[in-house]
Amino acid sequence: MTAVVADSGFDSESNHQIARQDMGVRSIMPAGTGRPGKDEKLPSGYWRRRMRRQLHTKRGRRRSGYTQRWQVETVNSMLKRNLGPALRARTARRRSMELMLRCVTHNLMIFSHALE
């Protein structure tokens, strides 16, 4: 299953729902910021509580794949720097296609640089 890994700045129940229910990908976002739950210990929302339990320990972070987030951040930075930060497509389907095209272009740029 495909997964999206993000930092706590993107943590919200609605982001988890969009990723999991609408897009069909597993979301991994630590529940560190935002609105606390009623008892102040657990965050509100099913997915945010689940992330708190899952990513609370080092072993849980390792098992979920959250430890390699720095690699994703590096690739995102490279994509933005080399190909621009904004998508131009309007619909979700076209944005997805544009992202795939950018990934292929990025990989070809790396490959052609390696040949030089």
Protein backbone atom coordinates (compact mmCIF):
# COMPACT_ATOMS: atom_id res chain seq x y z
CA MET A 1 0.00 0.00 0.00
CA THR A 2 1.23 3.46 -0.83
CA ALA A 3 1.86 5.80 2.08
CA VAL A 4 2.14 9.55 2.56
CA VAL A 5 4.50 10.71 5.29
CA ALA A 6 4.25 14.26 6.60
CA ASP A 7 5.36 16.23 9.62
CA SER A 8 3.06 17.40 12.38
CA GLY A 9 2.30 20.66 10.56
CA PHE A 10 -0.04 18.70 8.27
CA ASP A 11 -1.67 16.74 11.07
CA SER A 12 -5.43 17.14 11.05
CA GLU A 13 -8.24 14.66 11.06
CA SER A 14 -9.43 15.93 7.68
CA ASN A 15 -5.99 15.39 6.08
CA HIS A 16 -5.96 11.80 7.35
CA GLN A 17 -9.47 11.21 6.00
CA ILE A 18 -8.64 12.68 2.58
CA ALA A 19 -5.49 10.57 2.30
CA ARG A 20 -7.02 7.33 3.51
CA GLN A 21 -10.62 7.42 2.30
CA ASP A 22 -10.52 9.61 -0.81
CA MET A 23 -7.06 8.79 -2.16
CA GLY A 24 -6.58 5.28 -0.79
CA VAL A 25 -3.11 5.86 0.71
CA ARG A 26 -1.85 5.26 4.23
CA SER A 27 -1.16 8.51 6.09
CA ILE A 28 1.64 8.82 8.63
CA MET A 29 1.59 12.18 10.43
CA PRO A 30 2.53 12.56 14.09
CA ALA A 31 -0.12 14.18 16.24
CA GLY A 32 2.11 16.70 17.97
CA THR A 33 0.40 20.00 17.37
CA GLY A 34 -3.09 21.23 16.97
CA ARG A 35 -6.14 21.06 19.11
CA PRO A 36 -5.88 18.71 22.12
CA GLY A 37 -8.62 16.26 23.03
CA LYS A 38 -11.07 16.68 25.90
CA ASP A 39 -8.82 14.97 28.43
CA GLU A 40 -5.74 16.92 27.16
CA LYS A 41 -3.70 13.69 26.82
CA LEU A 42 -5.02 12.22 23.59
CA PRO A 43 -5.65 14.20 20.44
CA SER A 44 -9.17 14.42 19.07
CA GLY A 45 -10.16 12.28 16.10
CA TYR A 46 -9.69 8.59 15.34
CA TRP A 47 -6.67 8.91 13.03
CA ARG A 48 -4.86 11.45 15.21
CA ARG A 49 -5.24 9.18 18.28
CA ARG A 50 -4.00 6.24 16.23
CA MET A 51 -0.93 8.19 15.08
CA ARG A 52 -0.18 9.20 18.66
CA ARG A 53 -0.20 5.54 19.74
CA GLN A 54 1.67 4.30 16.67
CA LEU A 55 4.44 6.93 16.62
CA HIS A 56 4.88 7.33 20.37
CA THR A 57 7.92 5.05 20.64
CA LYS A 58 11.07 4.72 18.56
CA ARG A 59 10.10 1.15 17.69
CA GLY A 60 6.68 2.30 16.49
CA ARG A 61 8.23 5.01 14.30
CA ARG A 62 10.66 2.49 12.83
CA ARG A 63 7.89 -0.06 12.10
CA SER A 64 5.68 2.53 10.41
CA GLY A 65 8.46 3.88 8.19
CA TYR A 66 8.51 7.38 9.68
CA THR A 67 12.28 7.25 10.21
CA GLN A 68 13.07 7.84 6.53
CA ARG A 69 11.08 11.09 6.20
CA TRP A 70 14.26 13.11 5.70
CA GLN A 71 14.78 11.38 2.34
CA VAL A 72 11.33 12.48 1.20
CA GLU A 73 11.99 16.04 2.33
CA THR A 74 15.22 16.06 0.32
CA VAL A 75 13.45 14.91 -2.84
CA ASN A 76 10.64 17.45 -2.34
CA SER A 77 13.22 20.20 -1.97
CA MET A 78 15.01 19.09 -5.14
CA LEU A 79 11.74 18.94 -7.10
CA LYS A 80 10.73 22.43 -6.00
CA ARG A 81 14.15 23.92 -6.71
CA ASN A 82 14.58 22.30 -10.14
CA LEU A 83 11.03 22.20 -11.49
CA GLY A 84 9.22 24.97 -9.61
CA PRO A 85 7.02 24.94 -6.50
CA ALA A 86 3.55 25.28 -8.05
CA LEU A 87 1.34 22.88 -9.95
CA ARG A 88 -0.58 24.38 -12.82
CA ALA A 89 -3.32 21.77 -13.25
CA ARG A 90 -6.78 22.52 -11.88
CA THR A 91 -8.40 19.14 -11.33
CA ALA A 92 -7.19 16.47 -8.91
CA ARG A 93 -6.65 13.96 -11.72
CA ARG A 94 -4.54 16.39 -13.75
CA ARG A 95 -2.53 17.41 -10.67
CA SER A 96 -1.79 13.75 -10.05
CA MET A 97 -0.68 13.35 -13.67
CA GLU A 98 1.48 16.47 -13.42
CA LEU A 99 3.15 15.15 -10.26
CA MET A 100 3.90 11.84 -11.95
CA LEU A 101 5.36 13.67 -14.94
CA ARG A 102 7.53 15.77 -12.61
CA CYS A 103 8.80 12.63 -10.88
CA VAL A 104 9.71 11.01 -14.21
CA THR A 105 11.39 14.24 -15.36
CA HIS A 106 13.29 14.49 -12.08
CA ASN A 107 14.52 10.89 -12.39
CA LEU A 108 15.61 11.48 -15.99
CA MET A 109 17.49 14.62 -14.92
CA ILE A 110 19.35 12.61 -12.26
CA PHE A 111 20.05 9.80 -14.72
CA SER A 112 21.37 12.14 -17.43
CA HIS A 113 23.58 13.91 -14.87
CA ALA A 114 25.05 10.55 -13.82
CA LEU A 115 26.00 9.80 -17.44
CA GLU A 116 28.06 12.98 -17.80
